[in-house]
């Protein structure tokens, strides 16, 4: 008999605990928008982007700012959809998520609409045939010194002239335009175009700083001008460097999704200018980015045991250009590295870290 009050207390406490747990489980929370603040659509194609918001109750998402959506672009519920009538432009949109719990979540969103590539006009190097290539970034070769057995030259886009590219084409050589798309370089002629807000930590090279790739709306005009420079000089393709910042200490809280968004924008923009584009390193995102890029350029996959992750390019019929470094001066060919690269059907070279010497070809 004396235990009944204790049992009643236990039951009351248990019931209260369950009730408290239920209240916690259904506690209201203010909304947050978790999807990226940028997206890229390709003109002439059907495109869709989902705006994602979290909160309890489930938030409602509306457009509360920016210009009126152009013809062909609609927003329904959570999805931004475009038809082929959308032209090439940058569109600023403000999304607001609300669920009755303050504060509302507001996101300033930028949609980049880029031209579609012209079918059949892009150079797409195949993995089915060996391609010898040279990678000379420190000093462009003289037009008179181009090597007869080389099919591709990858050279600095700023330092190389249209006359050099023309000479390459006259010798049936394809030209790749090297452009740094992920870091700021203080010696470039357009270095003053980058606002301080996008400059992050040093990337280990003198005069370079990581860029805040989340700010695509800021970087887009600068990078588009660089790609246009490549186009105007007659280059066949672009090599955008340092497009794996999210794996580095950039000074910004970059996420994998930020890199995907930026890299897809790069690919679409370069294609829209009539050039092909390489995926530079960023091996961890190949599964997602493979459809957007035409070939791969990679450094030191043998040294770091990362060659297997590049194989999807070969399987898709897209060439892989790979280099191993021998220090500051080219020495004898490392047979084991070259044999691995050739077995994988990669176009391998061994060269110096400064990229200013004639490479040793693996094929």
Protein backbone atom coordinates (compact mmCIF):
# COMPACT_ATOMS: atom_id res chain seq x y z
CA UNK A 1 0.00 0.00 0.00
CA UNK A 2 2.81 2.38 0.81
CA UNK A 3 4.21 1.99 -2.74
CA UNK A 4 1.15 3.30 -4.60
CA UNK A 5 2.02 7.01 -4.23
CA UNK A 6 5.50 6.25 -5.54
CA UNK A 7 4.00 4.46 -8.55
CA UNK A 8 1.71 7.43 -9.15
CA UNK A 9 4.71 9.81 -9.05
CA UNK A 10 6.61 7.62 -11.50
CA UNK A 11 3.63 7.51 -13.84
CA UNK A 12 3.17 11.27 -13.64
CA UNK A 13 6.86 11.90 -14.29
CA UNK A 14 6.88 9.45 -17.19
CA UNK A 15 3.79 11.03 -18.73
CA UNK A 16 5.28 14.51 -18.23
CA UNK A 17 8.51 13.37 -19.84
CA UNK A 18 6.67 12.01 -22.84
CA UNK A 19 4.68 15.21 -23.13
CA UNK A 20 7.84 17.31 -22.86
CA UNK A 21 9.52 15.13 -25.50
CA UNK A 22 6.56 15.57 -27.82
CA UNK A 23 6.69 19.33 -27.30
CA UNK A 24 10.41 19.34 -28.09
CA UNK A 25 9.86 17.19 -31.15
CA UNK A 26 7.32 19.63 -32.53
CA UNK A 27 8.93 22.84 -31.32
CA UNK A 28 8.53 25.68 -33.79
CA UNK A 29 11.65 26.99 -35.52
CA UNK A 30 12.31 29.96 -37.75
CA UNK A 31 13.00 29.21 -41.43
CA UNK A 32 16.41 29.00 -43.07
CA UNK A 33 17.18 28.74 -46.80
CA UNK A 34 19.77 26.02 -47.31
CA UNK A 35 20.09 25.84 -51.10
CA UNK A 36 22.94 27.71 -52.89
CA UNK A 37 22.52 31.41 -53.64
CA UNK A 38 23.56 30.99 -57.29
CA UNK A 39 22.64 28.77 -60.21
CA UNK A 40 23.44 28.57 -63.91
CA UNK A 41 20.91 27.90 -66.67
CA UNK A 42 21.80 27.26 -70.29
CA UNK A 43 19.83 29.25 -72.85
CA UNK A 44 17.88 27.13 -75.30
CA UNK A 45 17.48 24.25 -72.86
CA UNK A 46 14.98 23.26 -70.19
CA UNK A 47 16.41 24.12 -66.76
CA UNK A 48 15.19 23.76 -63.18
CA UNK A 49 16.51 24.73 -59.75
CA UNK A 50 14.96 23.83 -56.39
CA UNK A 51 14.97 26.37 -53.57
CA UNK A 52 15.21 24.49 -50.27
CA UNK A 53 14.13 25.91 -46.91
CA UNK A 54 13.97 24.29 -43.48
CA UNK A 55 11.88 25.20 -40.45
CA UNK A 56 8.86 24.14 -38.43
CA UNK A 57 6.17 24.53 -39.65
CA UNK A 58 7.34 23.88 -43.21
CA UNK A 59 8.18 27.30 -44.71
CA UNK A 60 6.53 28.88 -47.70
CA UNK A 61 8.94 30.37 -50.24
CA UNK A 62 8.06 33.48 -52.23
CA UNK A 63 9.86 35.99 -54.43
CA UNK A 64 9.94 39.30 -52.59
CA UNK A 65 12.54 41.32 -54.45
CA UNK A 66 14.47 41.82 -57.65
CA UNK A 67 13.19 42.65 -61.09
CA UNK A 68 10.17 40.90 -62.59
CA UNK A 69 11.06 37.49 -63.96
CA UNK A 70 11.68 37.62 -67.72
CA UNK A 71 9.45 35.68 -70.14
CA UNK A 72 10.16 31.97 -70.02
CA UNK A 73 11.24 31.96 -66.37
CA UNK A 74 8.73 30.90 -63.72
CA UNK A 75 8.74 30.13 -60.01
CA UNK A 76 6.20 27.72 -58.58
CA UNK A 77 6.28 26.68 -54.94
CA UNK A 78 9.95 25.76 -54.59
CA UNK A 79 11.12 25.38 -58.17
CA UNK A 80 12.60 27.92 -60.56
CA UNK A 81 12.00 26.72 -64.12
CA UNK A 82 13.19 28.09 -67.45
CA UNK A 83 12.21 27.33 -71.02
CA UNK A 84 14.14 27.97 -74.21
CA UNK A 85 12.81 31.52 -74.46
CA UNK A 86 15.12 32.80 -71.71
CA UNK A 87 17.94 34.95 -73.08
CA UNK A 88 21.54 35.27 -71.87
CA UNK A 89 21.75 37.45 -68.78
CA UNK A 90 22.33 37.73 -65.04
CA UNK A 91 19.09 37.78 -63.04
CA UNK A 92 18.90 38.97 -59.41
CA UNK A 93 16.10 37.42 -57.35
CA UNK A 94 15.25 37.76 -53.66
CA UNK A 95 13.66 34.70 -52.04
CA UNK A 96 11.90 34.87 -48.67
CA UNK A 97 10.97 31.83 -46.60
CA UNK A 98 8.31 32.31 -43.92
CA UNK A 99 6.36 30.03 -41.61
CA UNK A 100 4.95 32.38 -38.97
CA UNK A 101 8.06 32.12 -36.79
CA UNK A 102 10.31 35.16 -36.95
CA UNK A 103 12.68 36.07 -38.37
CA UNK A 104 11.91 35.19 -41.96
CA UNK A 105 14.81 33.90 -44.06
CA UNK A 106 15.86 36.13 -46.94
CA UNK A 107 18.29 35.10 -49.69
CA UNK A 108 19.66 37.27 -52.47
CA UNK A 109 19.92 34.82 -55.36
CA UNK A 110 21.73 35.23 -58.67
CA UNK A 111 20.74 33.23 -61.75
CA UNK A 112 23.26 33.19 -64.59
CA UNK A 113 21.84 32.32 -68.00
CA UNK A 114 24.64 31.45 -70.42
CA UNK A 115 24.59 30.67 -74.15
CA UNK A 116 24.29 27.08 -75.27
CA UNK A 117 27.32 25.55 -77.02
CA UNK A 118 27.15 25.32 -80.79
CA UNK A 119 26.84 21.58 -81.62
CA UNK A 120 29.77 20.08 -83.48
CA UNK A 121 32.00 23.15 -83.24
CA UNK A 122 33.79 22.37 -79.98
CA UNK A 123 37.10 20.54 -79.90
CA UNK A 124 36.63 17.42 -77.82
CA UNK A 125 39.86 15.43 -77.46
CA UNK A 126 39.18 11.72 -77.41
CA UNK A 127 40.58 9.14 -75.03
CA UNK A 128 40.74 6.67 -77.91
CA UNK A 129 43.88 8.12 -79.50
CA UNK A 130 47.20 9.06 -77.85
CA UNK A 131 47.84 12.82 -77.78
CA UNK A 132 51.23 14.32 -77.07
CA UNK A 133 51.04 17.64 -75.29
CA UNK A 134 53.17 20.39 -73.80
CA UNK A 135 52.35 22.43 -70.71
CA UNK A 136 54.31 25.70 -70.75
CA UNK A 137 52.92 28.31 -68.38
CA UNK A 138 55.99 30.28 -67.31
CA UNK A 139 57.13 31.20 -70.82
CA UNK A 140 55.05 30.69 -73.99
CA UNK A 141 57.00 29.00 -76.78
CA UNK A 142 58.08 30.99 -79.79
CA UNK A 143 55.97 30.32 -82.87
CA UNK A 144 59.09 29.19 -84.73
CA UNK A 145 59.98 26.63 -82.04
CA UNK A 146 56.74 24.63 -81.88
CA UNK A 147 57.47 20.93 -81.78
CA UNK A 148 56.29 18.95 -84.79
CA UNK A 149 55.19 15.87 -82.82
CA UNK A 150 52.99 17.74 -80.35
CA UNK A 151 49.23 17.81 -80.79
CA UNK A 152 48.30 20.17 -77.93
CA UNK A 153 49.95 23.15 -76.26
CA UNK A 154 48.58 24.44 -72.94
CA UNK A 155 49.87 28.00 -72.43
CA UNK A 156 49.12 31.07 -70.32
CA UNK A 157 46.15 32.98 -71.72
CA UNK A 158 47.44 36.41 -70.72
CA UNK A 159 51.00 35.95 -71.91
CA UNK A 160 50.27 34.19 -75.21
CA UNK A 161 49.40 36.12 -78.36
CA UNK A 162 46.82 35.53 -81.03
CA UNK A 163 49.75 35.15 -83.47
CA UNK A 164 51.10 32.24 -81.41
CA UNK A 165 47.71 30.51 -81.39
CA UNK A 166 47.43 31.07 -85.14
CA UNK A 167 50.87 29.49 -85.63
CA UNK A 168 49.73 26.48 -83.58
CA UNK A 169 46.68 26.05 -85.76
CA UNK A 170 48.84 26.31 -88.89
CA UNK A 171 50.79 23.32 -87.55
CA UNK A 172 47.57 21.39 -86.71
CA UNK A 173 48.09 21.95 -82.99
CA UNK A 174 45.21 22.62 -80.61
CA UNK A 175 45.68 25.45 -78.11
CA UNK A 176 44.50 25.45 -74.48
CA UNK A 177 44.18 28.78 -72.67
CA UNK A 178 45.33 28.65 -69.04
CA UNK A 179 43.27 30.95 -66.81
CA UNK A 180 43.24 31.07 -63.02
CA UNK A 181 39.57 30.91 -62.07
CA UNK A 182 39.90 30.16 -58.37
CA UNK A 183 42.61 32.49 -57.11
CA UNK A 184 43.53 36.16 -57.48
CA UNK A 185 46.97 36.89 -58.93
CA UNK A 186 48.40 40.31 -58.13
CA UNK A 187 50.40 40.62 -61.36
CA UNK A 188 47.51 40.21 -63.79
CA UNK A 189 46.33 43.21 -65.77
CA UNK A 190 42.81 42.86 -64.34
CA UNK A 191 43.88 42.35 -60.70
CA UNK A 192 42.25 45.66 -59.74
CA UNK A 193 38.84 44.39 -60.90
CA UNK A 194 38.53 42.07 -57.89
CA UNK A 195 36.94 43.70 -54.81
CA UNK A 196 38.51 42.99 -51.42
CA UNK A 197 35.40 41.07 -50.37
CA UNK A 198 36.27 38.13 -52.64
CA UNK A 199 39.96 37.87 -51.66
CA UNK A 200 40.81 35.20 -49.10
CA UNK A 201 43.88 33.42 -47.78
CA UNK A 202 47.12 32.92 -49.67
CA UNK A 203 47.17 29.64 -51.55
CA UNK A 204 50.87 28.97 -51.05
CA UNK A 205 52.09 30.74 -54.20
CA UNK A 206 53.52 34.28 -54.01
CA UNK A 207 51.00 36.97 -54.91
CA UNK A 208 47.98 34.64 -55.01
CA UNK A 209 44.85 34.54 -52.85
CA UNK A 210 41.86 32.25 -52.93
CA UNK A 211 38.60 33.68 -54.26
CA UNK A 212 35.20 33.51 -52.61
CA UNK A 213 33.52 31.49 -55.34
CA UNK A 214 30.17 31.82 -53.58
CA UNK A 215 30.02 35.35 -54.99
CA UNK A 216 29.47 34.23 -58.57
CA UNK A 217 27.62 37.45 -59.37
CA UNK A 218 30.81 39.40 -58.53
CA UNK A 219 33.26 37.02 -60.23
CA UNK A 220 31.18 36.33 -63.34
CA UNK A 221 31.94 39.55 -65.27
CA UNK A 222 35.67 39.27 -64.50
CA UNK A 223 35.96 35.62 -65.46
CA UNK A 224 33.75 36.01 -68.52
CA UNK A 225 36.09 38.77 -69.74
CA UNK A 226 39.03 36.41 -69.28
CA UNK A 227 37.31 33.63 -71.21
CA UNK A 228 36.41 36.13 -73.93
CA UNK A 229 40.10 37.04 -74.16
CA UNK A 230 40.86 33.37 -74.81
CA UNK A 231 38.18 33.30 -77.48
CA UNK A 232 39.44 36.48 -79.13
CA UNK A 233 42.95 35.02 -79.37
CA UNK A 234 41.60 31.93 -81.10
CA UNK A 235 42.11 29.32 -78.39
CA UNK A 236 40.29 25.99 -78.73
CA UNK A 237 39.80 25.34 -75.03
CA UNK A 238 40.20 26.76 -71.53
CA UNK A 239 42.01 25.31 -68.53
CA UNK A 240 40.46 26.96 -65.43
CA UNK A 241 42.89 26.48 -62.57
CA UNK A 242 42.29 26.24 -58.81
CA UNK A 243 38.68 25.11 -59.07
CA UNK A 244 38.88 22.87 -56.02
CA UNK A 245 39.07 25.58 -53.38
CA UNK A 246 36.50 23.92 -51.14
CA UNK A 247 39.13 21.28 -50.24
CA UNK A 248 41.63 23.96 -49.17
CA UNK A 249 41.99 26.56 -46.43
CA UNK A 250 40.69 29.49 -48.44
CA UNK A 251 39.61 31.81 -45.64
CA UNK A 252 35.97 31.22 -46.61
CA UNK A 253 33.55 28.48 -45.45
CA UNK A 254 33.28 26.97 -48.93
CA UNK A 255 31.16 23.86 -49.34
CA UNK A 256 31.25 21.16 -52.00
CA UNK A 257 27.96 22.51 -53.37
CA UNK A 258 29.53 25.96 -53.82
CA UNK A 259 32.28 24.42 -55.94
CA UNK A 260 29.80 22.44 -58.04
CA UNK A 261 27.78 25.59 -58.73
CA UNK A 262 30.86 27.62 -59.69
CA UNK A 263 32.43 24.90 -61.82
CA UNK A 264 29.20 24.27 -63.71
CA UNK A 265 28.94 28.01 -64.36
CA UNK A 266 32.50 28.02 -65.74
CA UNK A 267 31.78 25.11 -68.07
CA UNK A 268 28.55 26.60 -69.36
CA UNK A 269 30.11 30.03 -69.91
CA UNK A 270 33.13 28.69 -71.78
CA UNK A 271 30.91 26.48 -73.92
CA UNK A 272 28.71 29.44 -74.70
CA UNK A 273 31.76 31.19 -76.13
CA UNK A 274 32.44 28.28 -78.46
CA UNK A 275 35.37 26.67 -76.64
CA UNK A 276 35.78 23.38 -74.83
CA UNK A 277 36.77 23.29 -71.16
CA UNK A 278 38.95 21.10 -68.95
CA UNK A 279 38.19 19.94 -65.44
CA UNK A 280 41.41 20.81 -63.58
CA UNK A 281 42.02 18.43 -60.67
CA UNK A 282 38.87 18.37 -58.41
CA UNK A 283 38.79 14.61 -58.71
CA UNK A 284 36.34 14.12 -55.85
CA UNK A 285 33.57 15.79 -57.87
CA UNK A 286 34.10 14.02 -61.20
CA UNK A 287 30.91 11.96 -60.84
CA UNK A 288 28.86 15.17 -60.82
CA UNK A 289 30.95 17.31 -63.18
CA UNK A 290 31.83 14.79 -65.90
CA UNK A 291 28.85 15.71 -68.14
CA UNK A 292 29.83 19.39 -68.05
CA UNK A 293 33.54 19.11 -68.94
CA UNK A 294 35.14 17.93 -72.18
CA UNK A 295 38.45 16.55 -70.90
CA UNK A 296 40.56 16.38 -67.76
CA UNK A 297 43.86 17.94 -66.73
CA UNK A 298 45.39 16.49 -63.59
CA UNK A 299 48.59 16.79 -61.60
CA UNK A 300 50.43 14.01 -59.77
CA UNK A 301 47.78 11.32 -59.70
CA UNK A 302 50.52 8.68 -59.58
CA UNK A 303 52.32 10.40 -56.72
CA UNK A 304 49.13 10.65 -54.67
CA UNK A 305 47.54 7.37 -55.81
CA UNK A 306 44.52 9.15 -57.30
CA UNK A 307 44.60 7.96 -60.91
CA UNK A 308 41.66 5.60 -60.54
CA UNK A 309 39.26 8.47 -59.86
CA UNK A 310 40.04 9.92 -63.33
CA UNK A 311 39.02 6.80 -65.23
CA UNK A 312 35.39 7.89 -65.79
CA UNK A 313 36.69 10.44 -68.30
CA UNK A 314 38.35 7.70 -70.35
CA UNK A 315 35.25 5.52 -70.09
CA UNK A 316 33.20 8.45 -71.42
CA UNK A 317 35.60 8.80 -74.36
CA UNK A 318 37.12 12.03 -73.00
CA UNK A 319 40.88 12.56 -72.89
CA UNK A 320 42.91 12.81 -69.68
CA UNK A 321 46.06 14.96 -69.74
CA UNK A 322 48.22 14.12 -66.72
CA UNK A 323 51.59 15.30 -65.43
CA UNK A 324 54.06 14.11 -62.84
CA UNK A 325 56.76 16.44 -61.56
CA UNK A 326 60.46 15.65 -61.33
CA UNK A 327 61.50 18.56 -59.12
CA UNK A 328 62.94 21.74 -60.56
CA UNK A 329 64.64 20.12 -63.52
CA UNK A 330 63.57 17.36 -65.88
CA UNK A 331 65.65 14.24 -65.45
CA UNK A 332 65.29 10.72 -66.79
CA UNK A 333 61.79 9.42 -67.42
CA UNK A 334 60.29 7.62 -64.41
CA UNK A 335 59.36 4.37 -66.05
CA UNK A 336 56.90 3.25 -63.35
CA UNK A 337 54.85 6.46 -63.50
CA UNK A 338 54.68 6.51 -67.29
CA UNK A 339 53.75 2.84 -67.48
CA UNK A 340 50.86 3.42 -65.08
CA UNK A 341 49.58 6.43 -67.00
CA UNK A 342 49.83 4.71 -70.37
CA UNK A 343 48.07 1.60 -69.04
CA UNK A 344 45.19 3.83 -67.97
CA UNK A 345 45.07 5.42 -71.44
CA UNK A 346 46.12 8.81 -70.04
CA UNK A 347 48.23 11.29 -72.00
CA UNK A 348 51.06 11.45 -69.49
CA UNK A 349 54.05 13.76 -69.30
CA UNK A 350 56.84 14.34 -66.83
CA UNK A 351 58.12 17.87 -66.43
CA UNK A 352 59.45 20.41 -63.96
CA UNK A 353 57.32 22.19 -61.38
CA UNK A 354 57.86 25.60 -63.02
CA UNK A 355 56.30 24.34 -66.25
CA UNK A 356 58.96 26.01 -68.37
CA UNK A 357 60.77 23.00 -69.85
CA UNK A 358 60.06 20.64 -72.72
CA UNK A 359 58.26 17.66 -71.19
CA UNK A 360 59.16 14.02 -71.48
CA UNK A 361 56.29 12.22 -73.17
CA UNK A 362 54.94 8.94 -71.83
CA UNK A 363 53.28 7.95 -75.13
